Amino acid sequence: MKTILLIEDNVEILDNLKEYLELAGYGIISATNGEEGLEIALQHIPDLIVCDVLMPGIDGYEVLRRLKQKPASANIPFIFSSSLSEKVDKFQAIALGANDYFVKPFEPEMIIRAIEKLAEKVV
């Protein structure tokens, strides 16, 4: 079973996405802020991370930057989910090494398709 780390400060979004991904057969670990998400990612080395951009403290961009600096976590597939909808935001995310970027609100099926697509590339 693939393990996905969800990092999201909005508990309602976190719970909904967690439930949807569990029903799709994924193991889920979660964090409600960037600092916690970074710690969990380094302890558990998930198969994939879905991370919000705008969070108090360490934002999603900084989470990704720090993960890319560590050999153990540098290659974890990373998807951003954000309310930031400008093209420049997506370009920044991809330039930092994110594999995908979804603008909220999005359909959970979109995340599932992106995860499946990334899993095919990683295997």
PDB file of N, CA and C in Angstrom:
ATOM      1  N   MET A   1       0.842  -1.176   0.000  1.00  0.00           N
ATOM      2  CA  MET A   1       0.000   0.000   0.000  1.00  0.00           C
ATOM      3  C   MET A   1       0.892   1.246   0.000  1.00  0.00           C
ATOM      4  N   LYS A   2       0.617   2.157  -0.909  1.00  0.00           N
ATOM      5  CA  LYS A   2       1.352   3.415  -0.984  1.00  0.00           C
ATOM      6  C   LYS A   2       0.919   4.327   0.165  1.00  0.00           C
ATOM      7  N   THR A   3       1.892   5.024   0.734  1.00  0.00           N
ATOM      8  CA  THR A   3       1.613   5.960   1.820  1.00  0.00           C
ATOM      9  C   THR A   3       1.750   7.383   1.311  1.00  0.00           C
ATOM     10  N   ILE A   4       0.721   8.176   1.591  1.00  0.00           N
ATOM     11  CA  ILE A   4       0.696   9.573   1.177  1.00  0.00           C
ATOM     12  C   ILE A   4       0.673  10.456   2.416  1.00  0.00           C
ATOM     13  N   LEU A   5       1.526  11.461   2.422  1.00  0.00           N
ATOM     14  CA  LEU A   5       1.520  12.474   3.476  1.00  0.00           C
ATOM     15  C   LEU A   5       0.720  13.664   2.979  1.00  0.00           C
ATOM     16  N   LEU A   6      -0.311  14.029   3.727  1.00  0.00           N
ATOM     17  CA  LEU A   6      -1.105  15.216   3.436  1.00  0.00           C
ATOM     18  C   LEU A   6      -0.698  16.311   4.414  1.00  0.00           C
ATOM     19  N   ILE A   7      -0.319  17.469   3.900  1.00  0.00           N
ATOM     20  CA  ILE A   7       0.023  18.618   4.741  1.00  0.00           C
ATOM     21  C   ILE A   7      -0.952  19.733   4.386  1.00  0.00           C
ATOM     22  N   GLU A   8      -1.860  20.028   5.302  1.00  0.00           N
ATOM     23  CA  GLU A   8      -2.943  20.982   5.034  1.00  0.00           C
ATOM     24  C   GLU A   8      -3.404  21.597   6.352  1.00  0.00           C
ATOM     25  N   ASP A   9      -3.440  22.929   6.424  1.00  0.00           N
ATOM     26  CA  ASP A   9      -3.841  23.581   7.669  1.00  0.00           C
ATOM     27  C   ASP A   9      -5.356  23.714   7.821  1.00  0.00           C
ATOM     28  N   ASN A  10      -6.123  23.543   6.747  1.00  0.00           N
ATOM     29  CA  ASN A  10      -7.571  23.575   6.832  1.00  0.00           C
ATOM     30  C   ASN A  10      -8.046  22.155   7.156  1.00  0.00           C
ATOM     31  N   VAL A  11      -8.505  21.965   8.385  1.00  0.00           N
ATOM     32  CA  VAL A  11      -8.835  20.622   8.871  1.00  0.00           C
ATOM     33  C   VAL A  11      -9.965  19.985   8.060  1.00  0.00           C
ATOM     34  N   GLU A  12     -10.924  20.777   7.613  1.00  0.00           N
ATOM     35  CA  GLU A  12     -12.022  20.223   6.823  1.00  0.00           C
ATOM     36  C   GLU A  12     -11.506  19.678   5.487  1.00  0.00           C
ATOM     37  N   ILE A  13     -10.664  20.432   4.817  1.00  0.00           N
ATOM     38  CA  ILE A  13     -10.075  19.965   3.550  1.00  0.00           C
ATOM     39  C   ILE A  13      -9.213  18.736   3.805  1.00  0.00           C
ATOM     40  N   LEU A  14      -8.413  18.784   4.867  1.00  0.00           N
ATOM     41  CA  LEU A  14      -7.546  17.658   5.225  1.00  0.00           C
ATOM     42  C   LEU A  14      -8.358  16.393   5.449  1.00  0.00           C
ATOM     43  N   ASP A  15      -9.412  16.485   6.247  1.00  0.00           N
ATOM     44  CA  ASP A  15     -10.237  15.315   6.553  1.00  0.00           C
ATOM     45  C   ASP A  15     -10.930  14.759   5.308  1.00  0.00           C
ATOM     46  N   ASN A  16     -11.443  15.655   4.460  1.00  0.00           N
ATOM     47  CA  ASN A  16     -12.133  15.207   3.244  1.00  0.00           C
ATOM     48  C   ASN A  16     -11.173  14.505   2.294  1.00  0.00           C
ATOM     49  N   LEU A  17     -10.010  15.095   2.089  1.00  0.00           N
ATOM     50  CA  LEU A  17      -9.032  14.486   1.189  1.00  0.00           C
ATOM     51  C   LEU A  17      -8.501  13.173   1.755  1.00  0.00           C
ATOM     52  N   LYS A  18      -8.276  13.164   3.060  1.00  0.00           N
ATOM     53  CA  LYS A  18      -7.802  11.946   3.731  1.00  0.00           C
ATOM     54  C   LYS A  18      -8.806  10.805   3.531  1.00  0.00           C
ATOM     55  N   GLU A  19     -10.067  11.088   3.764  1.00  0.00           N
ATOM     56  CA  GLU A  19     -11.106  10.070   3.618  1.00  0.00           C
ATOM     57  C   GLU A  19     -11.176   9.568   2.176  1.00  0.00           C
ATOM     58  N   TYR A  20     -11.133  10.478   1.231  1.00  0.00           N
ATOM     59  CA  TYR A  20     -11.219  10.102  -0.175  1.00  0.00           C
ATOM     60  C   TYR A  20     -10.043   9.213  -0.592  1.00  0.00           C
ATOM     61  N   LEU A  21      -8.846   9.587  -0.179  1.00  0.00           N
ATOM     62  CA  LEU A  21      -7.660   8.814  -0.550  1.00  0.00           C
ATOM     63  C   LEU A  21      -7.620   7.460   0.157  1.00  0.00           C
ATOM     64  N   GLU A  22      -8.099   7.403   1.386  1.00  0.00           N
ATOM     65  CA  GLU A  22      -8.174   6.104   2.080  1.00  0.00           C
ATOM     66  C   GLU A  22      -9.146   5.170   1.365  1.00  0.00           C
ATOM     67  N   LEU A  23     -10.276   5.716   0.924  1.00  0.00           N
ATOM     68  CA  LEU A  23     -11.244   4.905   0.180  1.00  0.00           C
ATOM     69  C   LEU A  23     -10.658   4.409  -1.142  1.00  0.00           C
ATOM     70  N   ALA A  24      -9.705   5.159  -1.681  1.00  0.00           N
ATOM     71  CA  ALA A  24      -9.043   4.762  -2.926  1.00  0.00           C
ATOM     72  C   ALA A  24      -7.915   3.756  -2.676  1.00  0.00           C
ATOM     73  N   GLY A  25      -7.675   3.404  -1.405  1.00  0.00           N
ATOM     74  CA  GLY A  25      -6.706   2.366  -1.089  1.00  0.00           C
ATOM     75  C   GLY A  25      -5.323   2.838  -0.666  1.00  0.00           C
ATOM     76  N   TYR A  26      -5.198   4.116  -0.350  1.00  0.00           N
ATOM     77  CA  TYR A  26      -3.898   4.645   0.080  1.00  0.00           C
ATOM     78  C   TYR A  26      -3.817   4.740   1.596  1.00  0.00           C
ATOM     79  N   GLY A  27      -2.624   4.519   2.119  1.00  0.00           N
ATOM     80  CA  GLY A  27      -2.366   4.766   3.531  1.00  0.00           C
ATOM     81  C   GLY A  27      -2.065   6.254   3.691  1.00  0.00           C
ATOM     82  N   ILE A  28      -2.662   6.876   4.676  1.00  0.00           N
ATOM     83  CA  ILE A  28      -2.528   8.323   4.836  1.00  0.00           C
ATOM     84  C   ILE A  28      -1.930   8.668   6.188  1.00  0.00           C
ATOM     85  N   ILE A  29      -0.938   9.564   6.134  1.00  0.00           N
ATOM     86  CA  ILE A  29      -0.454  10.233   7.341  1.00  0.00           C
ATOM     87  C   ILE A  29      -0.662  11.719   7.072  1.00  0.00           C
ATOM     88  N   SER A  30      -0.852  12.492   8.133  1.00  0.00           N
ATOM     89  CA  SER A  30      -1.201  13.886   7.895  1.00  0.00           C
ATOM     90  C   SER A  30      -0.557  14.827   8.900  1.00  0.00           C
ATOM     91  N   ALA A  31      -0.510  16.085   8.483  1.00  0.00           N
ATOM     92  CA  ALA A  31       0.030  17.155   9.314  1.00  0.00           C
ATOM     93  C   ALA A  31      -0.786  18.411   9.034  1.00  0.00           C
ATOM     94  N   THR A  32      -0.909  19.255  10.045  1.00  0.00           N
ATOM     95  CA  THR A  32      -1.720  20.469   9.893  1.00  0.00           C
ATOM     96  C   THR A  32      -0.882  21.735   9.737  1.00  0.00           C
ATOM     97  N   ASN A  33       0.426  21.574   9.608  1.00  0.00           N
ATOM     98  CA  ASN A  33       1.279  22.734   9.322  1.00  0.00           C
ATOM     99  C   ASN A  33       2.586  22.248   8.691  1.00  0.00           C
ATOM    100  N   GLY A  34       3.332  23.190   8.145  1.00  0.00           N
ATOM    101  CA  GLY A  34       4.547  22.843   7.421  1.00  0.00           C
ATOM    102  C   GLY A  34       5.628  22.231   8.281  1.00  0.00           C
ATOM    103  N   GLU A  35       5.808  22.750   9.475  1.00  0.00           N
ATOM    104  CA  GLU A  35       6.854  22.228  10.369  1.00  0.00           C
ATOM    105  C   GLU A  35       6.572  20.767  10.725  1.00  0.00           C
ATOM    106  N   GLU A  36       5.346  20.496  11.113  1.00  0.00           N
ATOM    107  CA  GLU A  36       4.947  19.126  11.441  1.00  0.00           C
ATOM    108  C   GLU A  36       5.071  18.218  10.224  1.00  0.00           C
ATOM    109  N   GLY A  37       4.639  18.718   9.067  1.00  0.00           N
ATOM    110  CA  GLY A  37       4.723  17.941   7.839  1.00  0.00           C
ATOM    111  C   GLY A  37       6.153  17.592   7.477  1.00  0.00           C
ATOM    112  N   LEU A  38       7.048  18.545   7.654  1.00  0.00           N
ATOM    113  CA  LEU A  38       8.461  18.314   7.376  1.00  0.00           C
ATOM    114  C   LEU A  38       9.026  17.232   8.292  1.00  0.00           C
ATOM    115  N   GLU A  39       8.710  17.308   9.575  1.00  0.00           N
ATOM    116  CA  GLU A  39       9.177  16.298  10.532  1.00  0.00           C
ATOM    117  C   GLU A  39       8.652  14.915  10.175  1.00  0.00           C
ATOM    118  N   ILE A  40       7.361  14.829   9.868  1.00  0.00           N
ATOM    119  CA  ILE A  40       6.753  13.540   9.529  1.00  0.00           C
ATOM    120  C   ILE A  40       7.367  12.986   8.244  1.00  0.00           C
ATOM    121  N   ALA A  41       7.562  13.853   7.257  1.00  0.00           N
ATOM    122  CA  ALA A  41       8.139  13.410   5.982  1.00  0.00           C
ATOM    123  C   ALA A  41       9.529  12.816   6.187  1.00  0.00           C
ATOM    124  N   LEU A  42      10.314  13.434   7.025  1.00  0.00           N
ATOM    125  CA  LEU A  42      11.679  12.953   7.253  1.00  0.00           C
ATOM    126  C   LEU A  42      11.706  11.691   8.115  1.00  0.00           C
ATOM    127  N   GLN A  43      10.725  11.515   8.968  1.00  0.00           N
ATOM    128  CA  GLN A  43      10.655  10.313   9.814  1.00  0.00           C
ATOM    129  C   GLN A  43      10.113   9.114   9.053  1.00  0.00           C
ATOM    130  N   HIS A  44       9.097   9.340   8.206  1.00  0.00           N
ATOM    131  CA  HIS A  44       8.379   8.229   7.571  1.00  0.00           C
ATOM    132  C   HIS A  44       8.686   8.034   6.092  1.00  0.00           C
ATOM    133  N   ILE A  45       9.296   8.991   5.442  1.00  0.00           N
ATOM    134  CA  ILE A  45       9.595   8.946   4.005  1.00  0.00           C
ATOM    135  C   ILE A  45       8.397   8.351   3.233  1.00  0.00           C
ATOM    136  N   PRO A  46       7.335   9.156   3.073  1.00  0.00           N
ATOM    137  CA  PRO A  46       6.145   8.669   2.362  1.00  0.00           C
ATOM    138  C   PRO A  46       6.428   8.459   0.877  1.00  0.00           C
ATOM    139  N   ASP A  47       5.520   7.770   0.209  1.00  0.00           N
ATOM    140  CA  ASP A  47       5.645   7.531  -1.222  1.00  0.00           C
ATOM    141  C   ASP A  47       5.313   8.775  -2.038  1.00  0.00           C
ATOM    142  N   LEU A  48       4.529   9.684  -1.453  1.00  0.00           N
ATOM    143  CA  LEU A  48       4.116  10.900  -2.138  1.00  0.00           C
ATOM    144  C   LEU A  48       3.625  11.906  -1.102  1.00  0.00           C
ATOM    145  N   ILE A  49       3.735  13.197  -1.415  1.00  0.00           N
ATOM    146  CA  ILE A  49       3.270  14.259  -0.521  1.00  0.00           C
ATOM    147  C   ILE A  49       2.316  15.164  -1.290  1.00  0.00           C
ATOM    148  N   VAL A  50       1.182  15.476  -0.667  1.00  0.00           N
ATOM    149  CA  VAL A  50       0.261  16.495  -1.157  1.00  0.00           C
ATOM    150  C   VAL A  50       0.283  17.601  -0.111  1.00  0.00           C
ATOM    151  N   CYS A  51       0.661  18.813  -0.530  1.00  0.00           N
ATOM    152  CA  CYS A  51       0.928  19.885   0.427  1.00  0.00           C
ATOM    153  C   CYS A  51       0.267  21.193   0.009  1.00  0.00           C
ATOM    154  N   ASP A  52      -0.350  21.858   0.967  1.00  0.00           N
ATOM    155  CA  ASP A  52      -0.870  23.209   0.767  1.00  0.00           C
ATOM    156  C   ASP A  52       0.312  24.159   0.623  1.00  0.00           C
ATOM    157  N   VAL A  53       0.097  25.284  -0.041  1.00  0.00           N
ATOM    158  CA  VAL A  53       1.156  26.288  -0.154  1.00  0.00           C
ATOM    159  C   VAL A  53       1.091  27.257   1.015  1.00  0.00           C
ATOM    160  N   LEU A  54      -0.063  27.874   1.226  1.00  0.00           N
ATOM    161  CA  LEU A  54      -0.200  28.911   2.252  1.00  0.00           C
ATOM    162  C   LEU A  54      -0.561  28.306   3.597  1.00  0.00           C
ATOM    163  N   MET A  55       0.410  28.325   4.507  1.00  0.00           N
ATOM    164  CA  MET A  55       0.201  27.832   5.863  1.00  0.00           C
ATOM    165  C   MET A  55       0.960  28.743   6.807  1.00  0.00           C
ATOM    166  N   PRO A  56       0.502  28.837   8.049  1.00  0.00           N
ATOM    167  CA  PRO A  56       1.265  29.644   9.010  1.00  0.00           C
ATOM    168  C   PRO A  56       2.623  29.004   9.292  1.00  0.00           C
ATOM    169  N   GLY A  57       3.616  29.829   9.575  1.00  0.00           N
ATOM    170  CA  GLY A  57       4.956  29.311   9.838  1.00  0.00           C
ATOM    171  C   GLY A  57       5.632  28.954   8.537  1.00  0.00           C
ATOM    172  N   ILE A  58       6.047  27.712   8.404  1.00  0.00           N
ATOM    173  CA  ILE A  58       6.713  27.254   7.181  1.00  0.00           C
ATOM    174  C   ILE A  58       5.650  26.996   6.110  1.00  0.00           C
ATOM    175  N   ASP A  59       5.762  27.701   4.979  1.00  0.00           N
ATOM    176  CA  ASP A  59       4.799  27.476   3.902  1.00  0.00           C
ATOM    177  C   ASP A  59       5.207  26.255   3.075  1.00  0.00           C
ATOM    178  N   GLY A  60       4.348  25.871   2.160  1.00  0.00           N
ATOM    179  CA  GLY A  60       4.603  24.686   1.353  1.00  0.00           C
ATOM    180  C   GLY A  60       5.856  24.782   0.505  1.00  0.00           C
ATOM    181  N   TYR A  61       6.149  25.978  -0.009  1.00  0.00           N
ATOM    182  CA  TYR A  61       7.369  26.149  -0.804  1.00  0.00           C
ATOM    183  C   TYR A  61       8.609  25.828   0.030  1.00  0.00           C
ATOM    184  N   GLU A  62       8.609  26.288   1.279  1.00  0.00           N
ATOM    185  CA  GLU A  62       9.759  26.029   2.145  1.00  0.00           C
ATOM    186  C   GLU A  62       9.844  24.548   2.525  1.00  0.00           C
ATOM    187  N   VAL A  63       8.692  23.907   2.723  1.00  0.00           N
ATOM    188  CA  VAL A  63       8.689  22.461   2.979  1.00  0.00           C
ATOM    189  C   VAL A  63       9.385  21.745   1.832  1.00  0.00           C
ATOM    190  N   LEU A  64       8.993  22.069   0.603  1.00  0.00           N
ATOM    191  CA  LEU A  64       9.589  21.415  -0.562  1.00  0.00           C
ATOM    192  C   LEU A  64      11.084  21.719  -0.668  1.00  0.00           C
ATOM    193  N   ARG A  65      11.470  22.978  -0.455  1.00  0.00           N
ATOM    194  CA  ARG A  65      12.897  23.340  -0.503  1.00  0.00           C
ATOM    195  C   ARG A  65      13.716  22.487   0.464  1.00  0.00           C
ATOM    196  N   ARG A  66      13.226  22.376   1.685  1.00  0.00           N
ATOM    197  CA  ARG A  66      13.967  21.622   2.706  1.00  0.00           C
ATOM    198  C   ARG A  66      14.015  20.134   2.398  1.00  0.00           C
ATOM    199  N   LEU A  67      12.924  19.589   1.893  1.00  0.00           N
ATOM    200  CA  LEU A  67      12.915  18.166   1.534  1.00  0.00           C
ATOM    201  C   LEU A  67      13.885  17.883   0.393  1.00  0.00           C
ATOM    202  N   LYS A  68      13.988  18.788  -0.554  1.00  0.00           N
ATOM    203  CA  LYS A  68      14.890  18.611  -1.691  1.00  0.00           C
ATOM    204  C   LYS A  68      16.360  18.647  -1.264  1.00  0.00           C
ATOM    205  N   GLN A  69      16.650  19.245  -0.111  1.00  0.00           N
ATOM    206  CA  GLN A  69      18.033  19.340   0.383  1.00  0.00           C
ATOM    207  C   GLN A  69      18.519  18.059   1.061  1.00  0.00           C
ATOM    208  N   LYS A  70      17.602  17.175   1.411  1.00  0.00           N
ATOM    209  CA  LYS A  70      17.956  15.941   2.121  1.00  0.00           C
ATOM    210  C   LYS A  70      17.932  14.760   1.152  1.00  0.00           C
ATOM    211  N   PRO A  71      19.012  14.000   1.082  1.00  0.00           N
ATOM    212  CA  PRO A  71      19.040  12.857   0.156  1.00  0.00           C
ATOM    213  C   PRO A  71      17.885  11.873   0.358  1.00  0.00           C
ATOM    214  N   ALA A  72      17.490  11.636   1.596  1.00  0.00           N
ATOM    215  CA  ALA A  72      16.432  10.653   1.869  1.00  0.00           C
ATOM    216  C   ALA A  72      15.067  11.099   1.352  1.00  0.00           C
ATOM    217  N   SER A  73      14.858  12.410   1.238  1.00  0.00           N
ATOM    218  CA  SER A  73      13.537  12.906   0.847  1.00  0.00           C
ATOM    219  C   SER A  73      13.537  13.670  -0.476  1.00  0.00           C
ATOM    220  N   ALA A  74      14.685  13.819  -1.089  1.00  0.00           N
ATOM    221  CA  ALA A  74      14.809  14.658  -2.296  1.00  0.00           C
ATOM    222  C   ALA A  74      13.970  14.166  -3.470  1.00  0.00           C
ATOM    223  N   ASN A  75      13.696  12.880  -3.542  1.00  0.00           N
ATOM    224  CA  ASN A  75      12.987  12.331  -4.698  1.00  0.00           C
ATOM    225  C   ASN A  75      11.544  11.936  -4.430  1.00  0.00           C
ATOM    226  N   ILE A  76      11.003  12.349  -3.286  1.00  0.00           N
ATOM    227  CA  ILE A  76       9.601  12.047  -2.999  1.00  0.00           C
ATOM    228  C   ILE A  76       8.727  12.871  -3.947  1.00  0.00           C
ATOM    229  N   PRO A  77       7.846  12.220  -4.707  1.00  0.00           N
ATOM    230  CA  PRO A  77       6.928  12.985  -5.554  1.00  0.00           C
ATOM    231  C   PRO A  77       6.104  13.952  -4.707  1.00  0.00           C
ATOM    232  N   PHE A  78       5.897  15.166  -5.225  1.00  0.00           N
ATOM    233  CA  PHE A  78       5.315  16.253  -4.441  1.00  0.00           C
ATOM    234  C   PHE A  78       4.265  16.981  -5.263  1.00  0.00           C
ATOM    235  N   ILE A  79       3.059  17.070  -4.713  1.00  0.00           N
ATOM    236  CA  ILE A  79       1.949  17.774  -5.363  1.00  0.00           C
ATOM    237  C   ILE A  79       1.506  18.919  -4.454  1.00  0.00           C
ATOM    238  N   PHE A  80       1.405  20.108  -5.018  1.00  0.00           N
ATOM    239  CA  PHE A  80       0.860  21.239  -4.276  1.00  0.00           C
ATOM    240  C   PHE A  80      -0.634  21.339  -4.510  1.00  0.00           C
ATOM    241  N   SER A  81      -1.347  21.732  -3.455  1.00  0.00           N
ATOM    242  CA  SER A  81      -2.750  22.129  -3.567  1.00  0.00           C
ATOM    243  C   SER A  81      -2.831  23.514  -2.943  1.00  0.00           C
ATOM    244  N   SER A  82      -3.421  24.450  -3.665  1.00  0.00           N
ATOM    245  CA  SER A  82      -3.379  25.821  -3.184  1.00  0.00           C
ATOM    246  C   SER A  82      -4.548  26.641  -3.694  1.00  0.00           C
ATOM    247  N   SER A  83      -4.850  27.693  -2.960  1.00  0.00           N
ATOM    248  CA  SER A  83      -5.837  28.660  -3.428  1.00  0.00           C
ATOM    249  C   SER A  83      -5.182  29.692  -4.342  1.00  0.00           C
ATOM    250  N   LEU A  84      -3.851  29.686  -4.424  1.00  0.00           N
ATOM    251  CA  LEU A  84      -3.138  30.599  -5.315  1.00  0.00           C
ATOM    252  C   LEU A  84      -3.323  30.128  -6.747  1.00  0.00           C
ATOM    253  N   SER A  85      -3.917  30.978  -7.570  1.00  0.00           N
ATOM    254  CA  SER A  85      -4.287  30.526  -8.905  1.00  0.00           C
ATOM    255  C   SER A  85      -3.550  31.231 -10.040  1.00  0.00           C
ATOM    256  N   GLU A  86      -2.607  32.083  -9.735  1.00  0.00           N
ATOM    257  CA  GLU A  86      -1.857  32.771 -10.779  1.00  0.00           C
ATOM    258  C   GLU A  86      -0.850  31.818 -11.410  1.00  0.00           C
ATOM    259  N   LYS A  87      -0.590  31.986 -12.689  1.00  0.00           N
ATOM    260  CA  LYS A  87       0.372  31.129 -13.377  1.00  0.00           C
ATOM    261  C   LYS A  87       1.743  31.185 -12.731  1.00  0.00           C
ATOM    262  N   VAL A  88       2.112  32.358 -12.236  1.00  0.00           N
ATOM    263  CA  VAL A  88       3.426  32.511 -11.614  1.00  0.00           C
ATOM    264  C   VAL A  88       3.569  31.595 -10.390  1.00  0.00           C
ATOM    265  N   ASP A  89       2.473  31.358  -9.677  1.00  0.00           N
ATOM    266  CA  ASP A  89       2.514  30.471  -8.506  1.00  0.00           C
ATOM    267  C   ASP A  89       2.808  29.035  -8.931  1.00  0.00           C
ATOM    268  N   LYS A  90       2.140  28.593  -9.988  1.00  0.00           N
ATOM    269  CA  LYS A  90       2.386  27.242 -10.487  1.00  0.00           C
ATOM    270  C   LYS A  90       3.810  27.121 -11.032  1.00  0.00           C
ATOM    271  N   PHE A  91       4.269  28.130 -11.761  1.00  0.00           N
ATOM    272  CA  PHE A  91       5.631  28.099 -12.292  1.00  0.00           C
ATOM    273  C   PHE A  91       6.655  28.021 -11.167  1.00  0.00           C
ATOM    274  N   GLN A  92       6.422  28.782 -10.086  1.00  0.00           N
ATOM    275  CA  GLN A  92       7.341  28.745  -8.945  1.00  0.00           C
ATOM    276  C   GLN A  92       7.376  27.347  -8.340  1.00  0.00           C
ATOM    277  N   ALA A  93       6.208  26.738  -8.189  1.00  0.00           N
ATOM    278  CA  ALA A  93       6.127  25.398  -7.607  1.00  0.00           C
ATOM    279  C   ALA A  93       6.881  24.379  -8.459  1.00  0.00           C
ATOM    280  N   ILE A  94       6.668  24.429  -9.760  1.00  0.00           N
ATOM    281  CA  ILE A  94       7.330  23.484 -10.656  1.00  0.00           C
ATOM    282  C   ILE A  94       8.841  23.742 -10.676  1.00  0.00           C
ATOM    283  N   ALA A  95       9.228  25.013 -10.638  1.00  0.00           N
ATOM    284  CA  ALA A  95      10.653  25.360 -10.621  1.00  0.00           C
ATOM    285  C   ALA A  95      11.349  24.829  -9.367  1.00  0.00           C
ATOM    286  N   LEU A  96      10.618  24.759  -8.265  1.00  0.00           N
ATOM    287  CA  LEU A  96      11.183  24.222  -7.019  1.00  0.00           C
ATOM    288  C   LEU A  96      11.272  22.701  -7.038  1.00  0.00           C
ATOM    289  N   GLY A  97      10.585  22.058  -7.981  1.00  0.00           N
ATOM    290  CA  GLY A  97      10.655  20.607  -8.074  1.00  0.00           C
ATOM    291  C   GLY A  97       9.346  19.887  -7.824  1.00  0.00           C
ATOM    292  N   ALA A  98       8.241  20.625  -7.694  1.00  0.00           N
ATOM    293  CA  ALA A  98       6.945  19.964  -7.521  1.00  0.00           C
ATOM    294  C   ALA A  98       6.576  19.224  -8.797  1.00  0.00           C
ATOM    295  N   ASN A  99       5.891  18.108  -8.632  1.00  0.00           N
ATOM    296  CA  ASN A  99       5.466  17.312  -9.779  1.00  0.00           C
ATOM    297  C   ASN A  99       4.139  17.774 -10.359  1.00  0.00           C
ATOM    298  N   ASP A 100       3.316  18.423  -9.522  1.00  0.00           N
ATOM    299  CA  ASP A 100       2.021  18.897  -9.988  1.00  0.00           C
ATOM    300  C   ASP A 100       1.524  19.984  -9.053  1.00  0.00           C
ATOM    301  N   TYR A 101       0.470  20.696  -9.502  1.00  0.00           N
ATOM    302  CA  TYR A 101      -0.061  21.838  -8.756  1.00  0.00           C
ATOM    303  C   TYR A 101      -1.548  21.927  -9.049  1.00  0.00           C
ATOM    304  N   PHE A 102      -2.374  21.831  -8.016  1.00  0.00           N
ATOM    305  CA  PHE A 102      -3.821  21.915  -8.153  1.00  0.00           C
ATOM    306  C   PHE A 102      -4.334  23.145  -7.431  1.00  0.00           C
ATOM    307  N   VAL A 103      -5.236  23.858  -8.096  1.00  0.00           N
ATOM    308  CA  VAL A 103      -5.850  25.036  -7.504  1.00  0.00           C
ATOM    309  C   VAL A 103      -7.148  24.611  -6.816  1.00  0.00           C
ATOM    310  N   LYS A 104      -7.295  25.014  -5.558  1.00  0.00           N
ATOM    311  CA  LYS A 104      -8.515  24.731  -4.799  1.00  0.00           C
ATOM    312  C   LYS A 104      -9.621  25.672  -5.274  1.00  0.00           C
ATOM    313  N   PRO A 105     -10.855  25.215  -5.284  1.00  0.00           N
ATOM    314  CA  PRO A 105     -11.281  23.845  -5.014  1.00  0.00           C
ATOM    315  C   PRO A 105     -11.026  22.956  -6.232  1.00  0.00           C
ATOM    316  N   PHE A 106     -10.736  21.709  -5.978  1.00  0.00           N
ATOM    317  CA  PHE A 106     -10.514  20.747  -7.052  1.00  0.00           C
ATOM    318  C   PHE A 106     -11.268  19.479  -6.725  1.00  0.00           C
ATOM    319  N   GLU A 107     -11.513  18.704  -7.735  1.00  0.00           N
ATOM    320  CA  GLU A 107     -12.184  17.423  -7.533  1.00  0.00           C
ATOM    321  C   GLU A 107     -11.157  16.411  -7.035  1.00  0.00           C
ATOM    322  N   PRO A 108     -11.466  15.652  -6.007  1.00  0.00           N
ATOM    323  CA  PRO A 108     -10.514  14.661  -5.495  1.00  0.00           C
ATOM    324  C   PRO A 108     -10.048  13.668  -6.556  1.00  0.00           C
ATOM    325  N   GLU A 109     -10.898  13.399  -7.559  1.00  0.00           N
ATOM    326  CA  GLU A 109     -10.506  12.482  -8.626  1.00  0.00           C
ATOM    327  C   GLU A 109      -9.263  12.982  -9.357  1.00  0.00           C
ATOM    328  N   MET A 110      -9.110  14.312  -9.420  1.00  0.00           N
ATOM    329  CA  MET A 110      -7.940  14.878 -10.092  1.00  0.00           C
ATOM    330  C   MET A 110      -6.656  14.486  -9.361  1.00  0.00           C
ATOM    331  N   ILE A 111      -6.689  14.520  -8.035  1.00  0.00           N
ATOM    332  CA  ILE A 111      -5.523  14.142  -7.236  1.00  0.00           C
ATOM    333  C   ILE A 111      -5.237  12.654  -7.431  1.00  0.00           C
ATOM    334  N   ILE A 112      -6.280  11.832  -7.441  1.00  0.00           N
ATOM    335  CA  ILE A 112      -6.099  10.389  -7.635  1.00  0.00           C
ATOM    336  C   ILE A 112      -5.413  10.126  -8.976  1.00  0.00           C
ATOM    337  N   ARG A 113      -5.875  10.788 -10.029  1.00  0.00           N
ATOM    338  CA  ARG A 113      -5.262  10.590 -11.347  1.00  0.00           C
ATOM    339  C   ARG A 113      -3.801  11.026 -11.346  1.00  0.00           C
ATOM    340  N   ALA A 114      -3.510  12.140 -10.688  1.00  0.00           N
ATOM    341  CA  ALA A 114      -2.124  12.621 -10.621  1.00  0.00           C
ATOM    342  C   ALA A 114      -1.252  11.649  -9.836  1.00  0.00           C
ATOM    343  N   ILE A 115      -1.771  11.109  -8.739  1.00  0.00           N
ATOM    344  CA  ILE A 115      -1.027  10.140  -7.930  1.00  0.00           C
ATOM    345  C   ILE A 115      -0.745   8.885  -8.747  1.00  0.00           C
ATOM    346  N   GLU A 116      -1.761   8.385  -9.439  1.00  0.00           N
ATOM    347  CA  GLU A 116      -1.577   7.184 -10.257  1.00  0.00           C
ATOM    348  C   GLU A 116      -0.544   7.422 -11.363  1.00  0.00           C
ATOM    349  N   LYS A 117      -0.595   8.585 -11.976  1.00  0.00           N
ATOM    350  CA  LYS A 117       0.358   8.932 -13.031  1.00  0.00           C
ATOM    351  C   LYS A 117       1.795   8.993 -12.479  1.00  0.00           C
ATOM    352  N   LEU A 118       1.943   9.597 -11.310  1.00  0.00           N
ATOM    353  CA  LEU A 118       3.275   9.662 -10.684  1.00  0.00           C
ATOM    354  C   LEU A 118       3.746   8.277 -10.268  1.00  0.00           C
ATOM    355  N   ALA A 119       2.845   7.448  -9.784  1.00  0.00           N
ATOM    356  CA  ALA A 119       3.229   6.098  -9.357  1.00  0.00           C
ATOM    357  C   ALA A 119       3.756   5.289 -10.541  1.00  0.00           C
ATOM    358  N   GLU A 120       3.196   5.494 -11.717  1.00  0.00           N
ATOM    359  CA  GLU A 120       3.671   4.788 -12.912  1.00  0.00           C
ATOM    360  C   GLU A 120       5.097   5.204 -13.251  1.00  0.00           C
ATOM    361  N   LYS A 121       5.412   6.482 -13.061  1.00  0.00           N
ATOM    362  CA  LYS A 121       6.748   6.986 -13.369  1.00  0.00           C
ATOM    363  C   LYS A 121       7.789   6.520 -12.362  1.00  0.00           C
ATOM    364  N   VAL A 122       7.378   6.401 -11.087  1.00  0.00           N
ATOM    365  CA  VAL A 122       8.301   6.060 -10.009  1.00  0.00           C
ATOM    366  C   VAL A 122       8.643   4.581 -10.002  1.00  0.00           C
ATOM    367  N   VAL A 123       7.670   3.731 -10.310  1.00  0.00           N
ATOM    368  CA  VAL A 123       7.853   2.279 -10.224  1.00  0.00           C
ATOM    369  C   VAL A 123       8.886   1.774 -11.178  1.00  0.00           C
TER     370      VAL A 123
END
